[in-house]
Amino acid sequence: KVSFEVIVVDNDEVKTIQKDIRKNYPAIIYLPNSNKGFGQGN
């Protein structure tokens, strides 16, 4: 019931999910990121 947004931070070295996210979930905010750990990604 509550409104929400989804933000995906991609810490993978090879960015393989961006195309599928854009195609299937265009409202998602996709942020490519160099992997500096889970906490930094959050």
All heavy atoms as atom14 arrays in JSON, in Angstrom:
{
  "sequence": "KVSFEVIVVDNDEVKTIQKDIRKNYPAIIYLPNSNKGFGQGN",
  "atom14_mask": [
    [1, 1, 1, 1, 1, 1, 1, 1, 1, 0, 0, 0, 0, 0],
    [1, 1, 1, 1, 1, 1, 1, 0, 0, 0, 0, 0, 0, 0],
    [1, 1, 1, 1, 1, 1, 0, 0, 0, 0, 0, 0, 0, 0],
    [1, 1, 1, 1, 1, 1, 1, 1, 1, 1, 1, 0, 0, 0],
    [1, 1, 1, 1, 1, 1, 1, 1, 1, 0, 0, 0, 0, 0],
    [1, 1, 1, 1, 1, 1, 1, 0, 0, 0, 0, 0, 0, 0],
    [1, 1, 1, 1, 1, 1, 1, 1, 0, 0, 0, 0, 0, 0],
    [1, 1, 1, 1, 1, 1, 1, 0, 0, 0, 0, 0, 0, 0],
    [1, 1, 1, 1, 1, 1, 1, 0, 0, 0, 0, 0, 0, 0],
    [1, 1, 1, 1, 1, 1, 1, 1, 0, 0, 0, 0, 0, 0],
    [1, 1, 1, 1, 1, 1, 1, 1, 0, 0, 0, 0, 0, 0],
    [1, 1, 1, 1, 1, 1, 1, 1, 0, 0, 0, 0, 0, 0],
    [1, 1, 1, 1, 1, 1, 1, 1, 1, 0, 0, 0, 0, 0],
    [1, 1, 1, 1, 1, 1, 1, 0, 0, 0, 0, 0, 0, 0],
    [1, 1, 1, 1, 1, 1, 1, 1, 1, 0, 0, 0, 0, 0],
    [1, 1, 1, 1, 1, 1, 1, 0, 0, 0, 0, 0, 0, 0],
    [1, 1, 1, 1, 1, 1, 1, 1, 0, 0, 0, 0, 0, 0],
    [1, 1, 1, 1, 1, 1, 1, 1, 1, 0, 0, 0, 0, 0],
    [1, 1, 1, 1, 1, 1, 1, 1, 1, 0, 0, 0, 0, 0],
    [1, 1, 1, 1, 1, 1, 1, 1, 0, 0, 0, 0, 0, 0],
    [1, 1, 1, 1, 1, 1, 1, 1, 0, 0, 0, 0, 0, 0],
    [1, 1, 1, 1, 1, 1, 1, 1, 1, 1, 1, 0, 0, 0],
    [1, 1, 1, 1, 1, 1, 1, 1, 1, 0, 0, 0, 0, 0],
    [1, 1, 1, 1, 1, 1, 1, 1, 0, 0, 0, 0, 0, 0],
    [1, 1, 1, 1, 1, 1, 1, 1, 1, 1, 1, 1, 0, 0],
    [1, 1, 1, 1, 1, 1, 1, 0, 0, 0, 0, 0, 0, 0],
    [1, 1, 1, 1, 1, 0, 0, 0, 0, 0, 0, 0, 0, 0],
    [1, 1, 1, 1, 1, 1, 1, 1, 0, 0, 0, 0, 0, 0],
    [1, 1, 1, 1, 1, 1, 1, 1, 0, 0, 0, 0, 0, 0],
    [1, 1, 1, 1, 1, 1, 1, 1, 1, 1, 1, 1, 0, 0],
    [1, 1, 1, 1, 1, 1, 1, 1, 0, 0, 0, 0, 0, 0],
    [1, 1, 1, 1, 1, 1, 1, 0, 0, 0, 0, 0, 0, 0],
    [1, 1, 1, 1, 1, 1, 1, 1, 0, 0, 0, 0, 0, 0],
    [1, 1, 1, 1, 1, 1, 0, 0, 0, 0, 0, 0, 0, 0],
    [1, 1, 1, 1, 1, 1, 1, 1, 0, 0, 0, 0, 0, 0],
    [1, 1, 1, 1, 1, 1, 1, 1, 1, 0, 0, 0, 0, 0],
    [1, 1, 1, 1, 0, 0, 0, 0, 0, 0, 0, 0, 0, 0],
    [1, 1, 1, 1, 1, 1, 1, 1, 1, 1, 1, 0, 0, 0],
    [1, 1, 1, 1, 0, 0, 0, 0, 0, 0, 0, 0, 0, 0],
    [1, 1, 1, 1, 1, 1, 1, 1, 1, 0, 0, 0, 0, 0],
    [1, 1, 1, 1, 0, 0, 0, 0, 0, 0, 0, 0, 0, 0],
    [1, 1, 1, 1, 1, 1, 1, 1, 0, 0, 0, 0, 0, 0]
  ],
  "atom14_positions": [
    [[0.82, -1.21, 0.0], [0.0, 0.0, 0.0], [0.86, 1.26, 0.0], [0.49, 2.27, -0.58], [-0.95, -0.01, 1.2], [-2.01, -1.09, 1.11], [-2.88, -1.13, 2.34], [-3.82, -2.33, 2.26], [-4.32, -2.73, 3.55], [0.0, 0.0, 0.0], [0.0, 0.0, 0.0], [0.0, 0.0, 0.0], [0.0, 0.0, 0.0], [0.0, 0.0, 0.0]],
    [[2.0, 1.19, 0.68], [2.87, 2.36, 0.73], [3.61, 2.51, -0.6], [3.92, 1.53, -1.27], [3.9, 2.27, 1.89], [3.21, 2.25, 3.23], [4.84, 1.1, 1.72], [0.0, 0.0, 0.0], [0.0, 0.0, 0.0], [0.0, 0.0, 0.0], [0.0, 0.0, 0.0], [0.0, 0.0, 0.0], [0.0, 0.0, 0.0], [0.0, 0.0, 0.0]],
    [[3.85, 3.74, -0.96], [4.61, 3.98, -2.19], [6.1, 3.71, -1.92], [6.6, 3.97, -0.83], [4.4, 5.41, -2.68], [4.86, 6.32, -1.71], [0.0, 0.0, 0.0], [0.0, 0.0, 0.0], [0.0, 0.0, 0.0], [0.0, 0.0, 0.0], [0.0, 0.0, 0.0], [0.0, 0.0, 0.0], [0.0, 0.0, 0.0], [0.0, 0.0, 0.0]],
    [[6.74, 3.16, -2.93], [8.17, 2.88, -2.77], [8.9, 3.04, -4.09], [8.31, 2.95, -5.16], [8.39, 1.47, -2.19], [7.97, 0.34, -3.09], [8.88, -0.26, -3.95], [6.66, -0.14, -3.06], [8.49, -1.3, -4.77], [6.27, -1.19, -3.87], [7.19, -1.77, -4.73], [0.0, 0.0, 0.0], [0.0, 0.0, 0.0], [0.0, 0.0, 0.0]],
    [[10.17, 3.29, -3.96], [11.08, 3.29, -5.1], [12.1, 2.2, -4.85], [12.33, 1.8, -3.7], [11.77, 4.64, -5.26], [12.75, 4.97, -4.14], [13.47, 6.29, -4.33], [13.4, 6.89, -5.41], [14.12, 6.73, -3.35], [0.0, 0.0, 0.0], [0.0, 0.0, 0.0], [0.0, 0.0, 0.0], [0.0, 0.0, 0.0], [0.0, 0.0, 0.0]],
    [[12.7, 1.72, -5.92], [13.74, 0.7, -5.79], [15.03, 1.27, -6.38], [15.03, 1.78, -7.51], [13.36, -0.6, -6.51], [14.48, -1.62, -6.41], [12.07, -1.17, -5.93], [0.0, 0.0, 0.0], [0.0, 0.0, 0.0], [0.0, 0.0, 0.0], [0.0, 0.0, 0.0], [0.0, 0.0, 0.0], [0.0, 0.0, 0.0], [0.0, 0.0, 0.0]],
    [[16.08, 1.18, -5.61], [17.41, 1.61, -6.04], [18.31, 0.38, -6.01], [18.45, -0.27, -4.98], [17.97, 2.7, -5.1], [17.05, 3.92, -5.09], [19.41, 3.07, -5.5], [17.38, 4.95, -4.04], [0.0, 0.0, 0.0], [0.0, 0.0, 0.0], [0.0, 0.0, 0.0], [0.0, 0.0, 0.0], [0.0, 0.0, 0.0], [0.0, 0.0, 0.0]],
    [[18.89, 0.07, -7.16], [19.82, -1.06, -7.25], [21.22, -0.51, -7.44], [21.48, 0.25, -8.37], [19.46, -1.99, -8.43], [20.53, -3.05, -8.63], [18.09, -2.64, -8.18], [0.0, 0.0, 0.0], [0.0, 0.0, 0.0], [0.0, 0.0, 0.0], [0.0, 0.0, 0.0], [0.0, 0.0, 0.0], [0.0, 0.0, 0.0], [0.0, 0.0, 0.0]],
    [[22.11, -0.89, -6.54], [23.51, -0.52, -6.62], [24.25, -1.77, -7.11], [24.23, -2.8, -6.43], [24.06, -0.05, -5.26], [25.53, 0.31, -5.38], [23.25, 1.13, -4.74], [0.0, 0.0, 0.0], [0.0, 0.0, 0.0], [0.0, 0.0, 0.0], [0.0, 0.0, 0.0], [0.0, 0.0, 0.0], [0.0, 0.0, 0.0], [0.0, 0.0, 0.0]],
    [[24.85, -1.67, -8.28], [25.5, -2.83, -8.89], [26.99, -2.83, -8.55], [27.77, -2.1, -9.14], [25.28, -2.8, -10.4], [25.68, -4.11, -11.07], [26.23, -5.0, -10.39], [25.44, -4.24, -12.28], [0.0, 0.0, 0.0], [0.0, 0.0, 0.0], [0.0, 0.0, 0.0], [0.0, 0.0, 0.0], [0.0, 0.0, 0.0], [0.0, 0.0, 0.0]],
    [[27.37, -3.67, -7.59], [28.77, -3.79, -7.16], [29.54, -4.84, -7.95], [30.71, -5.04, -7.7], [28.84, -4.14, -5.67], [28.85, -2.92, -4.78], [28.7, -1.8, -5.23], [29.02, -3.13, -3.49], [0.0, 0.0, 0.0], [0.0, 0.0, 0.0], [0.0, 0.0, 0.0], [0.0, 0.0, 0.0], [0.0, 0.0, 0.0], [0.0, 0.0, 0.0]],
    [[28.89, -5.51, -8.88], [29.57, -6.54, -9.67], [30.64, -5.92, -10.55], [30.47, -4.8, -11.06], [28.56, -7.27, -10.56], [28.51, -8.76, -10.28], [29.44, -9.28, -9.61], [27.57, -9.41, -10.72], [0.0, 0.0, 0.0], [0.0, 0.0, 0.0], [0.0, 0.0, 0.0], [0.0, 0.0, 0.0], [0.0, 0.0, 0.0], [0.0, 0.0, 0.0]],
    [[31.74, -6.65, -10.75], [32.8, -6.15, -11.64], [32.28, -6.05, -13.07], [32.58, -5.1, -13.78], [34.02, -7.1, -11.6], [34.75, -7.12, -10.28], [34.16, -8.12, -9.29], [33.3, -8.94, -9.66], [34.57, -8.06, -8.11], [0.0, 0.0, 0.0], [0.0, 0.0, 0.0], [0.0, 0.0, 0.0], [0.0, 0.0, 0.0], [0.0, 0.0, 0.0]],
    [[31.55, -7.05, -13.52], [30.96, -7.07, -14.85], [29.48, -6.73, -14.69], [28.75, -7.45, -14.02], [31.14, -8.45, -15.53], [30.5, -8.44, -16.91], [32.62, -8.81, -15.61], [0.0, 0.0, 0.0], [0.0, 0.0, 0.0], [0.0, 0.0, 0.0], [0.0, 0.0, 0.0], [0.0, 0.0, 0.0], [0.0, 0.0, 0.0], [0.0, 0.0, 0.0]],
    [[29.06, -5.64, -15.29], [27.7, -5.14, -15.13], [26.75, -5.87, -16.09], [26.54, -5.44, -17.22], [27.64, -3.63, -15.37], [28.66, -2.82, -14.6], [28.49, -2.95, -13.1], [29.45, -2.02, -12.37], [29.84, -2.5, -11.09], [0.0, 0.0, 0.0], [0.0, 0.0, 0.0], [0.0, 0.0, 0.0], [0.0, 0.0, 0.0], [0.0, 0.0, 0.0]],
    [[26.18, -7.0, -15.62], [25.35, -7.84, -16.49], [23.85, -7.62, -16.32], [23.07, -8.08, -17.13], [25.64, -9.32, -16.21], [25.35, -9.61, -14.83], [27.09, -9.68, -16.51], [0.0, 0.0, 0.0], [0.0, 0.0, 0.0], [0.0, 0.0, 0.0], [0.0, 0.0, 0.0], [0.0, 0.0, 0.0], [0.0, 0.0, 0.0], [0.0, 0.0, 0.0]],
    [[23.44, -6.92, -15.27], [22.0, -6.82, -14.97], [21.34, -5.56, -15.51], [20.12, -5.48, -15.56], [21.74, -6.93, -13.45], [22.41, -5.78, -12.71], [22.16, -8.28, -12.92], [22.01, -5.66, -11.26], [0.0, 0.0, 0.0], [0.0, 0.0, 0.0], [0.0, 0.0, 0.0], [0.0, 0.0, 0.0], [0.0, 0.0, 0.0], [0.0, 0.0, 0.0]],
    [[22.13, -4.58, -15.91], [21.57, -3.28, -16.3], [20.55, -3.42, -17.43], [19.47, -2.84, -17.37], [22.66, -2.31, -16.69], [22.13, -0.94, -17.05], [23.22, 0.07, -17.33], [24.39, -0.26, -17.4], [22.82, 1.31, -17.49], [0.0, 0.0, 0.0], [0.0, 0.0, 0.0], [0.0, 0.0, 0.0], [0.0, 0.0, 0.0], [0.0, 0.0, 0.0]],
    [[20.87, -4.17, -18.46], [19.98, -4.29, -19.61], [18.64, -4.91, -19.2], [17.58, -4.43, -19.6], [20.63, -5.16, -20.7], [19.79, -5.25, -21.96], [20.42, -6.18, -22.98], [21.41, -5.4, -23.82], [21.96, -6.21, -24.92], [0.0, 0.0, 0.0], [0.0, 0.0, 0.0], [0.0, 0.0, 0.0], [0.0, 0.0, 0.0], [0.0, 0.0, 0.0]],
    [[18.67, -5.97, -18.38], [17.43, -6.61, -17.93], [16.61, -5.7, -17.02], [15.39, -5.7, -17.07], [17.73, -7.93, -17.21], [18.15, -9.03, -18.18], [17.73, -8.98, -19.35], [18.89, -9.93, -17.75], [0.0, 0.0, 0.0], [0.0, 0.0, 0.0], [0.0, 0.0, 0.0], [0.0, 0.0, 0.0], [0.0, 0.0, 0.0], [0.0, 0.0, 0.0]],
    [[17.29, -4.93, -16.19], [16.57, -3.98, -15.33], [15.87, -2.93, -16.18], [14.69, -2.64, -15.99], [17.52, -3.33, -14.31], [17.91, -4.34, -13.23], [16.86, -2.1, -13.66], [18.93, -3.84, -12.25], [0.0, 0.0, 0.0], [0.0, 0.0, 0.0], [0.0, 0.0, 0.0], [0.0, 0.0, 0.0], [0.0, 0.0, 0.0], [0.0, 0.0, 0.0]],
    [[16.6, -2.34, -17.11], [16.02, -1.29, -17.97], [14.82, -1.82, -18.75], [13.84, -1.12, -18.92], [17.08, -0.76, -18.93], [18.23, -0.08, -18.26], [17.91, 1.38, -17.98], [19.09, 2.05, -17.46], [19.16, 2.57, -16.25], [18.14, 2.5, -15.43], [20.25, 3.17, -15.84], [0.0, 0.0, 0.0], [0.0, 0.0, 0.0], [0.0, 0.0, 0.0]],
    [[14.93, -3.06, -19.23], [13.87, -3.65, -20.03], [12.65, -4.04, -19.19], [11.51, -3.73, -19.55], [14.4, -4.89, -20.75], [13.37, -5.62, -21.58], [13.98, -6.85, -22.22], [12.89, -7.62, -22.96], [13.39, -8.89, -23.45], [0.0, 0.0, 0.0], [0.0, 0.0, 0.0], [0.0, 0.0, 0.0], [0.0, 0.0, 0.0], [0.0, 0.0, 0.0]],
    [[12.86, -4.71, -18.07], [11.76, -5.27, -17.28], [11.29, -4.4, -16.12], [10.17, -4.57, -15.64], [12.16, -6.65, -16.75], [12.45, -7.61, -17.88], [11.68, -7.72, -18.83], [13.57, -8.31, -17.79], [0.0, 0.0, 0.0], [0.0, 0.0, 0.0], [0.0, 0.0, 0.0], [0.0, 0.0, 0.0], [0.0, 0.0, 0.0], [0.0, 0.0, 0.0]],
    [[12.14, -3.51, -15.64], [11.81, -2.66, -14.49], [12.31, -1.23, -14.75], [13.23, -0.75, -14.08], [12.45, -3.21, -13.21], [12.07, -4.63, -12.89], [12.87, -5.7, -13.27], [10.89, -4.9, -12.21], [12.52, -7.01, -12.97], [10.52, -6.2, -11.9], [11.35, -7.25, -12.3], [10.99, -8.54, -11.99], [0.0, 0.0, 0.0], [0.0, 0.0, 0.0]],
    [[11.72, -0.53, -15.7], [12.25, 0.79, -16.08], [12.18, 1.84, -14.97], [12.92, 2.83, -15.03], [11.38, 1.18, -17.27], [10.16, 0.34, -17.17], [10.56, -0.92, -16.49], [0.0, 0.0, 0.0], [0.0, 0.0, 0.0], [0.0, 0.0, 0.0], [0.0, 0.0, 0.0], [0.0, 0.0, 0.0], [0.0, 0.0, 0.0], [0.0, 0.0, 0.0]],
    [[11.35, 1.64, -13.98], [11.24, 2.63, -12.89], [12.38, 2.51, -11.88], [12.6, 3.42, -11.08], [9.9, 2.48, -12.18], [0.0, 0.0, 0.0], [0.0, 0.0, 0.0], [0.0, 0.0, 0.0], [0.0, 0.0, 0.0], [0.0, 0.0, 0.0], [0.0, 0.0, 0.0], [0.0, 0.0, 0.0], [0.0, 0.0, 0.0], [0.0, 0.0, 0.0]],
    [[13.1, 1.41, -11.91], [14.19, 1.2, -10.94], [15.33, 2.17, -11.23], [15.69, 2.42, -12.37], [14.69, -0.26, -10.99], [13.67, -1.18, -10.32], [16.06, -0.4, -10.33], [14.05, -2.64, -10.33], [0.0, 0.0, 0.0], [0.0, 0.0, 0.0], [0.0, 0.0, 0.0], [0.0, 0.0, 0.0], [0.0, 0.0, 0.0], [0.0, 0.0, 0.0]],
    [[15.88, 2.71, -10.16], [17.06, 3.56, -10.26], [18.26, 2.62, -10.2], [18.48, 1.93, -9.21], [17.1, 4.58, -9.11], [15.88, 5.5, -9.19], [18.41, 5.38, -9.15], [15.63, 6.28, -7.93], [0.0, 0.0, 0.0], [0.0, 0.0, 0.0], [0.0, 0.0, 0.0], [0.0, 0.0, 0.0], [0.0, 0.0, 0.0], [0.0, 0.0, 0.0]],
    [[19.03, 2.57, -11.28], [20.18, 1.69, -11.38], [21.45, 2.51, -11.23], [21.66, 3.48, -11.96], [20.18, 0.96, -12.73], [21.43, 0.16, -12.98], [21.57, -1.12, -12.45], [22.47, 0.67, -13.74], [22.73, -1.86, -12.67], [23.63, -0.05, -13.97], [23.75, -1.31, -13.43], [24.9, -2.04, -13.64], [0.0, 0.0, 0.0], [0.0, 0.0, 0.0]],
    [[22.3, 2.11, -10.27], [23.54, 2.82, -10.02], [24.73, 1.87, -10.14], [24.94, 1.02, -9.27], [23.53, 3.44, -8.62], [22.38, 4.39, -8.29], [22.42, 4.79, -6.82], [22.44, 5.61, -9.18], [0.0, 0.0, 0.0], [0.0, 0.0, 0.0], [0.0, 0.0, 0.0], [0.0, 0.0, 0.0], [0.0, 0.0, 0.0], [0.0, 0.0, 0.0]],
    [[25.5, 1.96, -11.22], [26.72, 1.15, -11.29], [27.71, 1.67, -10.26], [27.78, 2.88, -10.0], [27.22, 1.37, -12.72], [26.56, 2.62, -13.2], [25.31, 2.8, -12.4], [0.0, 0.0, 0.0], [0.0, 0.0, 0.0], [0.0, 0.0, 0.0], [0.0, 0.0, 0.0], [0.0, 0.0, 0.0], [0.0, 0.0, 0.0], [0.0, 0.0, 0.0]],
    [[28.45, 0.75, -9.66], [29.33, 1.13, -8.56], [30.55, 0.22, -8.56], [30.43, -0.97, -8.86], [28.57, 1.0, -7.23], [29.3, 1.6, -6.07], [29.83, 2.7, -6.15], [29.33, 0.89, -4.95], [0.0, 0.0, 0.0], [0.0, 0.0, 0.0], [0.0, 0.0, 0.0], [0.0, 0.0, 0.0], [0.0, 0.0, 0.0], [0.0, 0.0, 0.0]],
    [[31.71, 0.76, -8.22], [32.86, -0.11, -8.03], [32.7, -0.75, -6.65], [32.22, -0.12, -5.71], [34.16, 0.67, -8.13], [34.21, 1.69, -7.17], [0.0, 0.0, 0.0], [0.0, 0.0, 0.0], [0.0, 0.0, 0.0], [0.0, 0.0, 0.0], [0.0, 0.0, 0.0], [0.0, 0.0, 0.0], [0.0, 0.0, 0.0], [0.0, 0.0, 0.0]],
    [[33.08, -1.99, -6.54], [32.85, -2.74, -5.31], [33.82, -2.32, -4.22], [34.99, -2.7, -4.22], [32.96, -4.25, -5.59], [32.61, -5.07, -4.37], [32.12, -4.55, -3.38], [32.85, -6.36, -4.44], [0.0, 0.0, 0.0], [0.0, 0.0, 0.0], [0.0, 0.0, 0.0], [0.0, 0.0, 0.0], [0.0, 0.0, 0.0], [0.0, 0.0, 0.0]],
    [[33.29, -1.56, -3.28], [34.06, -1.18, -2.1], [33.37, -1.73, -0.86], [33.52, -1.2, 0.24], [34.2, 0.34, -2.03], [35.03, 0.89, -3.17], [35.15, 2.38, -3.09], [35.92, 2.86, -4.31], [35.47, 4.17, -4.74], [0.0, 0.0, 0.0], [0.0, 0.0, 0.0], [0.0, 0.0, 0.0], [0.0, 0.0, 0.0], [0.0, 0.0, 0.0]],
    [[32.57, -2.76, -1.06], [31.92, -3.43, 0.06], [30.42, -3.16, 0.12], [29.9, -2.24, -0.51], [0.0, 0.0, 0.0], [0.0, 0.0, 0.0], [0.0, 0.0, 0.0], [0.0, 0.0, 0.0], [0.0, 0.0, 0.0], [0.0, 0.0, 0.0], [0.0, 0.0, 0.0], [0.0, 0.0, 0.0], [0.0, 0.0, 0.0], [0.0, 0.0, 0.0]],
    [[29.76, -4.01, 0.88], [28.31, -3.96, 1.03], [27.85, -2.65, 1.67], [26.9, -2.01, 1.21], [27.85, -5.16, 1.86], [26.38, -5.25, 2.08], [25.52, -5.57, 1.04], [25.84, -5.02, 3.33], [24.15, -5.65, 1.24], [24.47, -5.1, 3.55], [23.63, -5.41, 2.5], [0.0, 0.0, 0.0], [0.0, 0.0, 0.0], [0.0, 0.0, 0.0]],
    [[28.51, -2.24, 2.72], [28.13, -1.01, 3.42], [28.26, 0.22, 2.53], [27.37, 1.07, 2.49], [0.0, 0.0, 0.0], [0.0, 0.0, 0.0], [0.0, 0.0, 0.0], [0.0, 0.0, 0.0], [0.0, 0.0, 0.0], [0.0, 0.0, 0.0], [0.0, 0.0, 0.0], [0.0, 0.0, 0.0], [0.0, 0.0, 0.0], [0.0, 0.0, 0.0]],
    [[29.36, 0.3, 1.8], [29.57, 1.43, 0.9], [28.51, 1.44, -0.19], [27.99, 2.49, -0.56], [30.98, 1.37, 0.29], [31.35, 2.58, -0.54], [31.04, 2.44, -2.02], [30.59, 1.41, -2.51], [31.27, 3.52, -2.75], [0.0, 0.0, 0.0], [0.0, 0.0, 0.0], [0.0, 0.0, 0.0], [0.0, 0.0, 0.0], [0.0, 0.0, 0.0]],
    [[28.15, 0.25, -0.69], [27.1, 0.16, -1.71], [25.78, 0.68, -1.18], [25.05, 1.39, -1.88], [0.0, 0.0, 0.0], [0.0, 0.0, 0.0], [0.0, 0.0, 0.0], [0.0, 0.0, 0.0], [0.0, 0.0, 0.0], [0.0, 0.0, 0.0], [0.0, 0.0, 0.0], [0.0, 0.0, 0.0], [0.0, 0.0, 0.0], [0.0, 0.0, 0.0]],
    [[25.44, 0.34, 0.06], [24.21, 0.85, 0.66], [24.25, 2.37, 0.82], [23.25, 3.05, 0.6], [23.95, 0.18, 2.01], [23.34, -1.18, 1.86], [22.33, -1.34, 1.19], [23.96, -2.18, 2.46], [0.0, 0.0, 0.0], [0.0, 0.0, 0.0], [0.0, 0.0, 0.0], [0.0, 0.0, 0.0], [0.0, 0.0, 0.0], [0.0, 0.0, 0.0]]
  ]
}
